[in-house]
Amino acid sequence: MIPNQIALDFGAFMLDAVLFDTAVANSFAQHLPYNVRLLQWGSELYGATGKDLGEEHPVTQIPSGGIAYTNKGNYVCIFFGQTPAWAVEHIGQILNDQWKTLVEDPSQESVVIRLKK
């Protein structure tokens, strides 16, 4: 079993999250940590992981605080109000309402995603 608690470290603040028990999420976890340069699209931050983790069960709706992966570009996506441009793998969730920090300060340039210590 792969540990499912992760941290999203934006430098100025950190968000706690969990990864789901799916094949794509487990593959994502096996390659931790990631240092991702971020782009913003509406209420979503995304960036390339450099890893093709495949596809399992892509969905078209991700809740706020959702963490997703798409093999179209090998992107990790962090949602805080945006609807995906295409179906993505919902691989995890930011805990509680911590994602609201991104609503207040969405202009993040990078994130380190790692196992929570």
C-alpha atoms as a PDB file:
ATOM      1  CA  MET A   1       0.000   0.000   0.000  1.00  0.00           C
ATOM      2  CA  ILE A   2       1.302   3.413  -0.944  1.00  0.00           C
ATOM      3  CA  PRO A   3       1.016   6.213   1.646  1.00  0.00           C
ATOM      4  CA  ASN A   4      -1.766   8.555   0.650  1.00  0.00           C
ATOM      5  CA  GLN A   5      -1.058  11.726   2.654  1.00  0.00           C
ATOM      6  CA  ILE A   6       0.757  14.369   0.637  1.00  0.00           C
ATOM      7  CA  ALA A   7       1.761  17.987   1.011  1.00  0.00           C
ATOM      8  CA  LEU A   8       1.519  20.661  -1.652  1.00  0.00           C
ATOM      9  CA  ASP A   9       4.276  23.131  -0.823  1.00  0.00           C
ATOM     10  CA  PHE A  10       3.845  26.463  -2.585  1.00  0.00           C
ATOM     11  CA  GLY A  11       6.721  28.097  -0.686  1.00  0.00           C
ATOM     12  CA  ALA A  12       4.695  30.755   1.140  1.00  0.00           C
ATOM     13  CA  PHE A  13       2.133  28.189   2.328  1.00  0.00           C
ATOM     14  CA  MET A  14       1.465  24.458   2.350  1.00  0.00           C
ATOM     15  CA  LEU A  15      -1.751  22.505   1.759  1.00  0.00           C
ATOM     16  CA  ASP A  16      -2.451  18.994   3.055  1.00  0.00           C
ATOM     17  CA  ALA A  17      -4.081  16.476   0.746  1.00  0.00           C
ATOM     18  CA  VAL A  18      -4.790  12.791   0.298  1.00  0.00           C
ATOM     19  CA  LEU A  19      -4.419  10.609  -2.770  1.00  0.00           C
ATOM     20  CA  PHE A  20      -7.165   8.144  -3.605  1.00  0.00           C
ATOM     21  CA  ASP A  21      -6.602   4.407  -3.957  1.00  0.00           C
ATOM     22  CA  THR A  22      -6.697   4.181  -7.756  1.00  0.00           C
ATOM     23  CA  ALA A  23      -4.149   2.869 -10.231  1.00  0.00           C
ATOM     24  CA  VAL A  24      -3.300   6.346 -11.557  1.00  0.00           C
ATOM     25  CA  ALA A  25      -3.095   7.883  -8.054  1.00  0.00           C
ATOM     26  CA  ASN A  26      -0.866   5.027  -6.889  1.00  0.00           C
ATOM     27  CA  SER A  27       1.385   5.498  -9.912  1.00  0.00           C
ATOM     28  CA  PHE A  28       1.478   9.241  -9.177  1.00  0.00           C
ATOM     29  CA  ALA A  29       2.536   8.471  -5.585  1.00  0.00           C
ATOM     30  CA  GLN A  30       5.321   6.126  -6.710  1.00  0.00           C
ATOM     31  CA  HIS A  31       7.051   9.018  -8.486  1.00  0.00           C
ATOM     32  CA  LEU A  32       6.875  11.545  -5.629  1.00  0.00           C
ATOM     33  CA  PRO A  33       8.224  14.143  -5.130  1.00  0.00           C
ATOM     34  CA  TYR A  34       7.333  16.395  -8.045  1.00  0.00           C
ATOM     35  CA  ASN A  35       8.628  19.914  -8.543  1.00  0.00           C
ATOM     36  CA  VAL A  36       6.048  21.441 -10.879  1.00  0.00           C
ATOM     37  CA  ARG A  37       6.181  24.802 -12.622  1.00  0.00           C
ATOM     38  CA  LEU A  38       2.586  26.036 -12.645  1.00  0.00           C
ATOM     39  CA  LEU A  39       0.349  27.781 -15.131  1.00  0.00           C
ATOM     40  CA  GLN A  40      -3.041  29.225 -14.248  1.00  0.00           C
ATOM     41  CA  TRP A  41      -6.245  28.705 -16.216  1.00  0.00           C
ATOM     42  CA  GLY A  42      -9.170  30.366 -14.476  1.00  0.00           C
ATOM     43  CA  SER A  43      -9.511  28.716 -11.070  1.00  0.00           C
ATOM     44  CA  GLU A  44      -7.066  25.928 -11.847  1.00  0.00           C
ATOM     45  CA  LEU A  45      -3.319  25.563 -11.535  1.00  0.00           C
ATOM     46  CA  TYR A  46      -1.592  22.949 -13.657  1.00  0.00           C
ATOM     47  CA  GLY A  47       1.855  21.867 -14.714  1.00  0.00           C
ATOM     48  CA  ALA A  48       3.774  19.002 -16.286  1.00  0.00           C
ATOM     49  CA  THR A  49       4.915  16.078 -14.158  1.00  0.00           C
ATOM     50  CA  GLY A  50       7.187  14.587 -16.798  1.00  0.00           C
ATOM     51  CA  LYS A  51       5.537  11.180 -16.269  1.00  0.00           C
ATOM     52  CA  ASP A  52       2.906   9.387 -18.339  1.00  0.00           C
ATOM     53  CA  LEU A  53       0.775   7.655 -15.708  1.00  0.00           C
ATOM     54  CA  GLY A  54      -1.818   6.345 -18.129  1.00  0.00           C
ATOM     55  CA  GLU A  55      -5.561   6.629 -17.951  1.00  0.00           C
ATOM     56  CA  GLU A  56      -8.087   4.740 -15.872  1.00  0.00           C
ATOM     57  CA  HIS A  57     -11.427   6.484 -15.374  1.00  0.00           C
ATOM     58  CA  PRO A  58     -11.387  10.133 -16.501  1.00  0.00           C
ATOM     59  CA  VAL A  59     -14.220  12.386 -15.323  1.00  0.00           C
ATOM     60  CA  THR A  60     -15.477  15.774 -16.490  1.00  0.00           C
ATOM     61  CA  GLN A  61     -16.230  17.272 -13.073  1.00  0.00           C
ATOM     62  CA  ILE A  62     -13.717  17.859 -10.274  1.00  0.00           C
ATOM     63  CA  PRO A  63     -14.758  19.470  -6.977  1.00  0.00           C
ATOM     64  CA  SER A  64     -12.942  22.476  -5.581  1.00  0.00           C
ATOM     65  CA  GLY A  65      -9.815  21.250  -3.873  1.00  0.00           C
ATOM     66  CA  GLY A  66      -9.591  18.317  -6.257  1.00  0.00           C
ATOM     67  CA  ILE A  67      -6.248  17.121  -7.546  1.00  0.00           C
ATOM     68  CA  ALA A  68      -6.304  15.588 -10.998  1.00  0.00           C
ATOM     69  CA  TYR A  69      -3.939  14.119 -13.563  1.00  0.00           C
ATOM     70  CA  THR A  70      -4.206  13.985 -17.325  1.00  0.00           C
ATOM     71  CA  ASN A  71      -1.913  12.159 -19.710  1.00  0.00           C
ATOM     72  CA  LYS A  72      -2.670  14.872 -22.298  1.00  0.00           C
ATOM     73  CA  GLY A  73       0.532  16.730 -21.480  1.00  0.00           C
ATOM     74  CA  ASN A  74       1.197  14.646 -18.358  1.00  0.00           C
ATOM     75  CA  TYR A  75      -0.246  17.419 -16.190  1.00  0.00           C
ATOM     76  CA  VAL A  76      -1.141  17.500 -12.535  1.00  0.00           C
ATOM     77  CA  CYS A  77      -4.075  19.868 -12.031  1.00  0.00           C
ATOM     78  CA  ILE A  78      -5.220  21.586  -8.845  1.00  0.00           C
ATOM     79  CA  PHE A  79      -8.819  22.788  -9.004  1.00  0.00           C
ATOM     80  CA  PHE A  80     -10.288  25.579  -6.905  1.00  0.00           C
ATOM     81  CA  GLY A  81     -13.435  26.396  -8.862  1.00  0.00           C
ATOM     82  CA  GLN A  82     -12.691  25.587 -12.503  1.00  0.00           C
ATOM     83  CA  THR A  83     -14.295  22.867 -14.617  1.00  0.00           C
ATOM     84  CA  PRO A  84     -11.728  20.732 -16.478  1.00  0.00           C
ATOM     85  CA  ALA A  85     -11.216  21.527 -20.171  1.00  0.00           C
ATOM     86  CA  TRP A  86     -11.429  17.774 -20.831  1.00  0.00           C
ATOM     87  CA  ALA A  87     -11.916  14.603 -18.792  1.00  0.00           C
ATOM     88  CA  VAL A  88      -9.171  14.054 -16.204  1.00  0.00           C
ATOM     89  CA  GLU A  89      -8.315  11.495 -13.531  1.00  0.00           C
ATOM     90  CA  HIS A  90      -9.476  12.660 -10.080  1.00  0.00           C
ATOM     91  CA  ILE A  91      -6.542  11.366  -8.030  1.00  0.00           C
ATOM     92  CA  GLY A  92      -6.804  13.249  -4.755  1.00  0.00           C
ATOM     93  CA  GLN A  93      -8.331  15.964  -2.637  1.00  0.00           C
ATOM     94  CA  ILE A  94      -6.988  18.888  -0.614  1.00  0.00           C
ATOM     95  CA  LEU A  95      -8.192  18.450   2.952  1.00  0.00           C
ATOM     96  CA  ASN A  96     -10.965  20.512   4.508  1.00  0.00           C
ATOM     97  CA  ASP A  97     -11.277  23.968   2.982  1.00  0.00           C
ATOM     98  CA  GLN A  98      -7.534  24.585   2.643  1.00  0.00           C
ATOM     99  CA  TRP A  99      -7.989  25.000  -1.132  1.00  0.00           C
ATOM    100  CA  LYS A 100      -9.616  28.393  -0.446  1.00  0.00           C
ATOM    101  CA  THR A 101      -6.101  29.763   0.059  1.00  0.00           C
ATOM    102  CA  LEU A 102      -5.683  29.393  -3.712  1.00  0.00           C
ATOM    103  CA  VAL A 103      -8.822  31.468  -4.340  1.00  0.00           C
ATOM    104  CA  GLU A 104      -7.278  34.266  -2.285  1.00  0.00           C
ATOM    105  CA  ASP A 105      -3.819  33.929  -3.857  1.00  0.00           C
ATOM    106  CA  PRO A 106      -3.989  32.014  -7.174  1.00  0.00           C
ATOM    107  CA  SER A 107      -0.811  33.405  -8.749  1.00  0.00           C
ATOM    108  CA  GLN A 108       1.475  30.536  -7.732  1.00  0.00           C
ATOM    109  CA  GLU A 109       4.494  29.844  -9.910  1.00  0.00           C
ATOM    110  CA  SER A 110       5.448  26.398  -8.640  1.00  0.00           C
ATOM    111  CA  VAL A 111       4.593  23.631  -6.202  1.00  0.00           C
ATOM    112  CA  VAL A 112       6.525  20.764  -4.668  1.00  0.00           C
ATOM    113  CA  ILE A 113       4.271  17.761  -4.172  1.00  0.00           C
ATOM    114  CA  ARG A 114       5.701  15.259  -1.708  1.00  0.00           C
ATOM    115  CA  LEU A 115       4.755  12.723   0.921  1.00  0.00           C
ATOM    116  CA  LYS A 116       3.600  14.381   4.091  1.00  0.00           C
ATOM    117  CA  LYS A 117       6.159  14.175   6.868  1.00  0.00           C
END
